[in-house]
Amino acid sequence: MTDYDLAQRSVLQTLLDSHPRLMDAGELDDRLPNIPRVQEALRVLVDDGLATKLGDRVGASRAAVRFRALSAS
């Protein structure tokens, strides 16, 4: 797994763990201090439909939450 994949997985996991609460984008950086390029990973996840960004607030998309629920079964 590349560092970029690790960053995307870490960001998505953090967003899913805080669901349904949206978090401040800065809070996301604070929660992942050892992960490189958090904001770049977030941008990719938003572009791919796995994360939602509303102003400076971010969260897991409905599709990501649903996929997590289906994967747990």
PDB file of N, CA and C in Angstrom:
ATOM      1  N   MET A   1       0.848  -1.169   0.000  1.00  0.00           N
ATOM      2  CA  MET A   1       0.000   0.000   0.000  1.00  0.00           C
ATOM      3  C   MET A   1       0.898   1.239   0.000  1.00  0.00           C
ATOM      4  N   THR A   2       0.597   2.180  -0.885  1.00  0.00           N
ATOM      5  CA  THR A   2       1.377   3.403  -0.933  1.00  0.00           C
ATOM      6  C   THR A   2       0.993   4.321   0.210  1.00  0.00           C
ATOM      7  N   ASP A   3       1.826   5.312   0.480  1.00  0.00           N
ATOM      8  CA  ASP A   3       1.514   6.295   1.513  1.00  0.00           C
ATOM      9  C   ASP A   3       0.214   7.016   1.194  1.00  0.00           C
ATOM     10  N   TYR A   4      -0.035   7.244  -0.100  1.00  0.00           N
ATOM     11  CA  TYR A   4      -1.256   7.945  -0.477  1.00  0.00           C
ATOM     12  C   TYR A   4      -2.491   7.092  -0.183  1.00  0.00           C
ATOM     13  N   ASP A   5      -2.402   5.787  -0.437  1.00  0.00           N
ATOM     14  CA  ASP A   5      -3.501   4.890  -0.082  1.00  0.00           C
ATOM     15  C   ASP A   5      -3.713   4.891   1.430  1.00  0.00           C
ATOM     16  N   LEU A   6      -2.627   4.871   2.175  1.00  0.00           N
ATOM     17  CA  LEU A   6      -2.723   4.901   3.631  1.00  0.00           C
ATOM     18  C   LEU A   6      -3.412   6.169   4.093  1.00  0.00           C
ATOM     19  N   ALA A   7      -3.070   7.295   3.487  1.00  0.00           N
ATOM     20  CA  ALA A   7      -3.694   8.562   3.854  1.00  0.00           C
ATOM     21  C   ALA A   7      -5.192   8.522   3.572  1.00  0.00           C
ATOM     22  N   GLN A   8      -5.589   8.028   2.407  1.00  0.00           N
ATOM     23  CA  GLN A   8      -7.012   7.970   2.066  1.00  0.00           C
ATOM     24  C   GLN A   8      -7.757   7.020   3.000  1.00  0.00           C
ATOM     25  N   ARG A   9      -7.182   5.860   3.277  1.00  0.00           N
ATOM     26  CA  ARG A   9      -7.827   4.909   4.185  1.00  0.00           C
ATOM     27  C   ARG A   9      -7.967   5.496   5.580  1.00  0.00           C
ATOM     28  N   SER A  10      -6.944   6.178   6.040  1.00  0.00           N
ATOM     29  CA  SER A  10      -6.966   6.761   7.387  1.00  0.00           C
ATOM     30  C   SER A  10      -7.993   7.875   7.488  1.00  0.00           C
ATOM     31  N   VAL A  11      -8.048   8.729   6.478  1.00  0.00           N
ATOM     32  CA  VAL A  11      -9.023   9.812   6.474  1.00  0.00           C
ATOM     33  C   VAL A  11     -10.440   9.237   6.443  1.00  0.00           C
ATOM     34  N   LEU A  12     -10.678   8.293   5.554  1.00  0.00           N
ATOM     35  CA  LEU A  12     -12.017   7.714   5.447  1.00  0.00           C
ATOM     36  C   LEU A  12     -12.419   7.005   6.736  1.00  0.00           C
ATOM     37  N   GLN A  13     -11.514   6.265   7.332  1.00  0.00           N
ATOM     38  CA  GLN A  13     -11.810   5.573   8.592  1.00  0.00           C
ATOM     39  C   GLN A  13     -12.161   6.580   9.683  1.00  0.00           C
ATOM     40  N   THR A  14     -11.440   7.671   9.752  1.00  0.00           N
ATOM     41  CA  THR A  14     -11.708   8.698  10.753  1.00  0.00           C
ATOM     42  C   THR A  14     -13.077   9.328  10.523  1.00  0.00           C
ATOM     43  N   LEU A  15     -13.407   9.599   9.273  1.00  0.00           N
ATOM     44  CA  LEU A  15     -14.724  10.175   8.958  1.00  0.00           C
ATOM     45  C   LEU A  15     -15.840   9.191   9.287  1.00  0.00           C
ATOM     46  N   LEU A  16     -15.640   7.932   8.964  1.00  0.00           N
ATOM     47  CA  LEU A  16     -16.656   6.919   9.265  1.00  0.00           C
ATOM     48  C   LEU A  16     -16.829   6.744  10.769  1.00  0.00           C
ATOM     49  N   ASP A  17     -15.734   6.791  11.517  1.00  0.00           N
ATOM     50  CA  ASP A  17     -15.814   6.639  12.968  1.00  0.00           C
ATOM     51  C   ASP A  17     -16.563   7.793  13.625  1.00  0.00           C
ATOM     52  N   SER A  18     -16.511   8.967  13.027  1.00  0.00           N
ATOM     53  CA  SER A  18     -17.196  10.117  13.619  1.00  0.00           C
ATOM     54  C   SER A  18     -18.609  10.302  13.075  1.00  0.00           C
ATOM     55  N   HIS A  19     -19.002   9.497  12.102  1.00  0.00           N
ATOM     56  CA  HIS A  19     -20.339   9.599  11.503  1.00  0.00           C
ATOM     57  C   HIS A  19     -21.419   9.404  12.565  1.00  0.00           C
ATOM     58  N   PRO A  20     -22.463  10.184  12.589  1.00  0.00           N
ATOM     59  CA  PRO A  20     -22.924  11.138  11.576  1.00  0.00           C
ATOM     60  C   PRO A  20     -22.414  12.570  11.775  1.00  0.00           C
ATOM     61  N   ARG A  21     -21.555  12.768  12.738  1.00  0.00           N
ATOM     62  CA  ARG A  21     -21.059  14.115  13.007  1.00  0.00           C
ATOM     63  C   ARG A  21     -20.091  14.559  11.915  1.00  0.00           C
ATOM     64  N   LEU A  22     -20.264  15.788  11.460  1.00  0.00           N
ATOM     65  CA  LEU A  22     -19.289  16.400  10.566  1.00  0.00           C
ATOM     66  C   LEU A  22     -18.197  17.007  11.425  1.00  0.00           C
ATOM     67  N   MET A  23     -16.969  16.951  10.948  1.00  0.00           N
ATOM     68  CA  MET A  23     -15.874  17.534  11.709  1.00  0.00           C
ATOM     69  C   MET A  23     -15.231  18.654  10.914  1.00  0.00           C
ATOM     70  N   ASP A  24     -14.585  19.540  11.620  1.00  0.00           N
ATOM     71  CA  ASP A  24     -13.837  20.617  11.008  1.00  0.00           C
ATOM     72  C   ASP A  24     -12.628  20.011  10.292  1.00  0.00           C
ATOM     73  N   ALA A  25     -12.288  20.563   9.139  1.00  0.00           N
ATOM     74  CA  ALA A  25     -11.153  20.034   8.377  1.00  0.00           C
ATOM     75  C   ALA A  25      -9.862  20.098   9.196  1.00  0.00           C
ATOM     76  N   GLY A  26      -9.710  21.107  10.029  1.00  0.00           N
ATOM     77  CA  GLY A  26      -8.537  21.205  10.892  1.00  0.00           C
ATOM     78  C   GLY A  26      -8.512  20.115  11.946  1.00  0.00           C
ATOM     79  N   GLU A  27      -9.686  19.750  12.441  1.00  0.00           N
ATOM     80  CA  GLU A  27      -9.783  18.653  13.411  1.00  0.00           C
ATOM     81  C   GLU A  27      -9.311  17.345  12.791  1.00  0.00           C
ATOM     82  N   LEU A  28      -9.613  17.160  11.528  1.00  0.00           N
ATOM     83  CA  LEU A  28      -9.169  15.958  10.820  1.00  0.00           C
ATOM     84  C   LEU A  28      -7.644  15.894  10.812  1.00  0.00           C
ATOM     85  N   ASP A  29      -7.003  17.021  10.522  1.00  0.00           N
ATOM     86  CA  ASP A  29      -5.536  17.073  10.573  1.00  0.00           C
ATOM     87  C   ASP A  29      -5.026  16.738  11.973  1.00  0.00           C
ATOM     88  N   ASP A  30      -5.693  17.281  12.990  1.00  0.00           N
ATOM     89  CA  ASP A  30      -5.280  17.042  14.379  1.00  0.00           C
ATOM     90  C   ASP A  30      -5.404  15.573  14.771  1.00  0.00           C
ATOM     91  N   ARG A  31      -6.410  14.890  14.248  1.00  0.00           N
ATOM     92  CA  ARG A  31      -6.617  13.477  14.585  1.00  0.00           C
ATOM     93  C   ARG A  31      -5.645  12.543  13.872  1.00  0.00           C
ATOM     94  N   LEU A  32      -5.029  13.039  12.812  1.00  0.00           N
ATOM     95  CA  LEU A  32      -4.130  12.194  12.014  1.00  0.00           C
ATOM     96  C   LEU A  32      -2.751  12.853  11.885  1.00  0.00           C
ATOM     97  N   PRO A  33      -2.074  13.101  13.000  1.00  0.00           N
ATOM     98  CA  PRO A  33      -0.809  13.846  12.936  1.00  0.00           C
ATOM     99  C   PRO A  33       0.319  13.108  12.217  1.00  0.00           C
ATOM    100  N   ASN A  34       0.267  11.795  12.165  1.00  0.00           N
ATOM    101  CA  ASN A  34       1.346  11.020  11.542  1.00  0.00           C
ATOM    102  C   ASN A  34       1.032  10.594  10.112  1.00  0.00           C
ATOM    103  N   ILE A  35      -0.077  11.073   9.581  1.00  0.00           N
ATOM    104  CA  ILE A  35      -0.485  10.702   8.226  1.00  0.00           C
ATOM    105  C   ILE A  35      -0.139  11.848   7.275  1.00  0.00           C
ATOM    106  N   PRO A  36       0.597  11.559   6.214  1.00  0.00           N
ATOM    107  CA  PRO A  36       0.966  12.610   5.261  1.00  0.00           C
ATOM    108  C   PRO A  36      -0.181  12.989   4.331  1.00  0.00           C
ATOM    109  N   ARG A  37      -0.229  14.231   3.958  1.00  0.00           N
ATOM    110  CA  ARG A  37      -1.152  14.739   2.918  1.00  0.00           C
ATOM    111  C   ARG A  37      -2.622  14.470   3.221  1.00  0.00           C
ATOM    112  N   VAL A  38      -3.060  14.761   4.430  1.00  0.00           N
ATOM    113  CA  VAL A  38      -4.449  14.509   4.820  1.00  0.00           C
ATOM    114  C   VAL A  38      -5.420  15.289   3.945  1.00  0.00           C
ATOM    115  N   GLN A  39      -5.150  16.554   3.712  1.00  0.00           N
ATOM    116  CA  GLN A  39      -6.080  17.374   2.925  1.00  0.00           C
ATOM    117  C   GLN A  39      -6.141  16.934   1.466  1.00  0.00           C
ATOM    118  N   GLU A  40      -5.025  16.480   0.913  1.00  0.00           N
ATOM    119  CA  GLU A  40      -5.038  15.941  -0.453  1.00  0.00           C
ATOM    120  C   GLU A  40      -5.866  14.661  -0.513  1.00  0.00           C
ATOM    121  N   ALA A  41      -5.694  13.801   0.480  1.00  0.00           N
ATOM    122  CA  ALA A  41      -6.468  12.554   0.529  1.00  0.00           C
ATOM    123  C   ALA A  41      -7.957  12.870   0.656  1.00  0.00           C
ATOM    124  N   LEU A  42      -8.286  13.854   1.466  1.00  0.00           N
ATOM    125  CA  LEU A  42      -9.684  14.256   1.624  1.00  0.00           C
ATOM    126  C   LEU A  42     -10.256  14.737   0.297  1.00  0.00           C
ATOM    127  N   ARG A  43      -9.494  15.524  -0.441  1.00  0.00           N
ATOM    128  CA  ARG A  43      -9.970  16.025  -1.734  1.00  0.00           C
ATOM    129  C   ARG A  43     -10.289  14.879  -2.689  1.00  0.00           C
ATOM    130  N   VAL A  44      -9.423  13.873  -2.720  1.00  0.00           N
ATOM    131  CA  VAL A  44      -9.661  12.712  -3.587  1.00  0.00           C
ATOM    132  C   VAL A  44     -10.927  11.974  -3.143  1.00  0.00           C
ATOM    133  N   LEU A  45     -11.093  11.792  -1.843  1.00  0.00           N
ATOM    134  CA  LEU A  45     -12.283  11.096  -1.336  1.00  0.00           C
ATOM    135  C   LEU A  45     -13.561  11.868  -1.664  1.00  0.00           C
ATOM    136  N   VAL A  46     -13.516  13.182  -1.579  1.00  0.00           N
ATOM    137  CA  VAL A  46     -14.672  14.006  -1.956  1.00  0.00           C
ATOM    138  C   VAL A  46     -14.944  13.844  -3.442  1.00  0.00           C
ATOM    139  N   ASP A  47     -13.901  13.937  -4.261  1.00  0.00           N
ATOM    140  CA  ASP A  47     -14.067  13.786  -5.714  1.00  0.00           C
ATOM    141  C   ASP A  47     -14.618  12.413  -6.079  1.00  0.00           C
ATOM    142  N   ASP A  48     -14.249  11.385  -5.316  1.00  0.00           N
ATOM    143  CA  ASP A  48     -14.715  10.026  -5.587  1.00  0.00           C
ATOM    144  C   ASP A  48     -16.087   9.727  -4.974  1.00  0.00           C
ATOM    145  N   GLY A  49     -16.642  10.670  -4.208  1.00  0.00           N
ATOM    146  CA  GLY A  49     -17.964  10.471  -3.628  1.00  0.00           C
ATOM    147  C   GLY A  49     -17.960   9.716  -2.308  1.00  0.00           C
ATOM    148  N   LEU A  50     -16.812   9.547  -1.685  1.00  0.00           N
ATOM    149  CA  LEU A  50     -16.731   8.816  -0.417  1.00  0.00           C
ATOM    150  C   LEU A  50     -16.751   9.743   0.789  1.00  0.00           C
ATOM    151  N   ALA A  51     -16.539  11.025   0.548  1.00  0.00           N
ATOM    152  CA  ALA A  51     -16.588  12.021   1.620  1.00  0.00           C
ATOM    153  C   ALA A  51     -17.397  13.215   1.127  1.00  0.00           C
ATOM    154  N   THR A  52     -17.909  13.970   2.081  1.00  0.00           N
ATOM    155  CA  THR A  52     -18.695  15.159   1.795  1.00  0.00           C
ATOM    156  C   THR A  52     -18.028  16.344   2.461  1.00  0.00           C
ATOM    157  N   LYS A  53     -17.980  17.460   1.755  1.00  0.00           N
ATOM    158  CA  LYS A  53     -17.406  18.677   2.316  1.00  0.00           C
ATOM    159  C   LYS A  53     -18.438  19.788   2.194  1.00  0.00           C
ATOM    160  N   LEU A  54     -18.778  20.391   3.335  1.00  0.00           N
ATOM    161  CA  LEU A  54     -19.716  21.500   3.382  1.00  0.00           C
ATOM    162  C   LEU A  54     -19.010  22.667   4.063  1.00  0.00           C
ATOM    163  N   GLY A  55     -18.487  23.579   3.267  1.00  0.00           N
ATOM    164  CA  GLY A  55     -17.679  24.662   3.818  1.00  0.00           C
ATOM    165  C   GLY A  55     -16.406  24.091   4.392  1.00  0.00           C
ATOM    166  N   ASP A  56     -16.191  24.331   5.684  1.00  0.00           N
ATOM    167  CA  ASP A  56     -14.993  23.778   6.325  1.00  0.00           C
ATOM    168  C   ASP A  56     -15.303  22.516   7.123  1.00  0.00           C
ATOM    169  N   ARG A  57     -16.499  21.982   6.975  1.00  0.00           N
ATOM    170  CA  ARG A  57     -16.914  20.754   7.664  1.00  0.00           C
ATOM    171  C   ARG A  57     -16.842  19.587   6.702  1.00  0.00           C
ATOM    172  N   VAL A  58     -16.401  18.432   7.208  1.00  0.00           N
ATOM    173  CA  VAL A  58     -16.252  17.242   6.373  1.00  0.00           C
ATOM    174  C   VAL A  58     -16.843  16.028   7.078  1.00  0.00           C
ATOM    175  N   GLY A  59     -17.279  15.068   6.286  1.00  0.00           N
ATOM    176  CA  GLY A  59     -17.825  13.840   6.840  1.00  0.00           C
ATOM    177  C   GLY A  59     -17.864  12.746   5.797  1.00  0.00           C
ATOM    178  N   ALA A  60     -18.190  11.558   6.236  1.00  0.00           N
ATOM    179  CA  ALA A  60     -18.326  10.423   5.322  1.00  0.00           C
ATOM    180  C   ALA A  60     -19.607  10.588   4.512  1.00  0.00           C
ATOM    181  N   SER A  61     -19.557  10.206   3.253  1.00  0.00           N
ATOM    182  CA  SER A  61     -20.744  10.280   2.407  1.00  0.00           C
ATOM    183  C   SER A  61     -21.701   9.142   2.760  1.00  0.00           C
ATOM    184  N   ARG A  62     -22.921   9.295   2.324  1.00  0.00           N
ATOM    185  CA  ARG A  62     -23.921   8.241   2.539  1.00  0.00           C
ATOM    186  C   ARG A  62     -23.469   6.935   1.894  1.00  0.00           C
ATOM    187  N   ALA A  63     -22.862   7.029   0.710  1.00  0.00           N
ATOM    188  CA  ALA A  63     -22.384   5.825   0.018  1.00  0.00           C
ATOM    189  C   ALA A  63     -21.304   5.113   0.826  1.00  0.00           C
ATOM    190  N   ALA A  64     -20.388   5.869   1.426  1.00  0.00           N
ATOM    191  CA  ALA A  64     -19.327   5.254   2.229  1.00  0.00           C
ATOM    192  C   ALA A  64     -19.898   4.572   3.463  1.00  0.00           C
ATOM    193  N   VAL A  65     -20.856   5.222   4.101  1.00  0.00           N
ATOM    194  CA  VAL A  65     -21.482   4.641   5.302  1.00  0.00           C
ATOM    195  C   VAL A  65     -22.223   3.358   4.936  1.00  0.00           C
ATOM    196  N   ARG A  66     -22.930   3.381   3.837  1.00  0.00           N
ATOM    197  CA  ARG A  66     -23.685   2.203   3.402  1.00  0.00           C
ATOM    198  C   ARG A  66     -22.753   1.051   3.035  1.00  0.00           C
ATOM    199  N   PHE A  67     -21.659   1.365   2.332  1.00  0.00           N
ATOM    200  CA  PHE A  67     -20.700   0.333   1.974  1.00  0.00           C
ATOM    201  C   PHE A  67     -20.089  -0.290   3.227  1.00  0.00           C
ATOM    202  N   ARG A  68     -19.779   0.522   4.205  1.00  0.00           N
ATOM    203  CA  ARG A  68     -19.220  -0.007   5.460  1.00  0.00           C
ATOM    204  C   ARG A  68     -20.217  -0.956   6.113  1.00  0.00           C
ATOM    205  N   ALA A  69     -21.494  -0.595   6.111  1.00  0.00           N
ATOM    206  CA  ALA A  69     -22.513  -1.452   6.713  1.00  0.00           C
ATOM    207  C   ALA A  69     -22.639  -2.770   5.959  1.00  0.00           C
ATOM    208  N   LEU A  70     -22.584  -2.721   4.656  1.00  0.00           N
ATOM    209  CA  LEU A  70     -22.685  -3.953   3.865  1.00  0.00           C
ATOM    210  C   LEU A  70     -21.445  -4.828   4.017  1.00  0.00           C
ATOM    211  N   SER A  71     -20.280  -4.208   4.159  1.00  0.00           N
ATOM    212  CA  SER A  71     -19.029  -4.954   4.299  1.00  0.00           C
ATOM    213  C   SER A  71     -18.923  -5.669   5.628  1.00  0.00           C
ATOM    214  N   ALA A  72     -19.598  -5.152   6.635  1.00  0.00           N
ATOM    215  CA  ALA A  72     -19.528  -5.745   7.979  1.00  0.00           C
ATOM    216  C   ALA A  72     -20.339  -7.025   8.075  1.00  0.00           C
ATOM    217  N   SER A  73     -21.217  -7.229   7.152  1.00  0.00           N
ATOM    218  CA  SER A  73     -22.100  -8.416   7.221  1.00  0.00           C
ATOM    219  C   SER A  73     -21.384  -9.679   6.839  1.00  0.00           C
TER     220      SER A  73
END
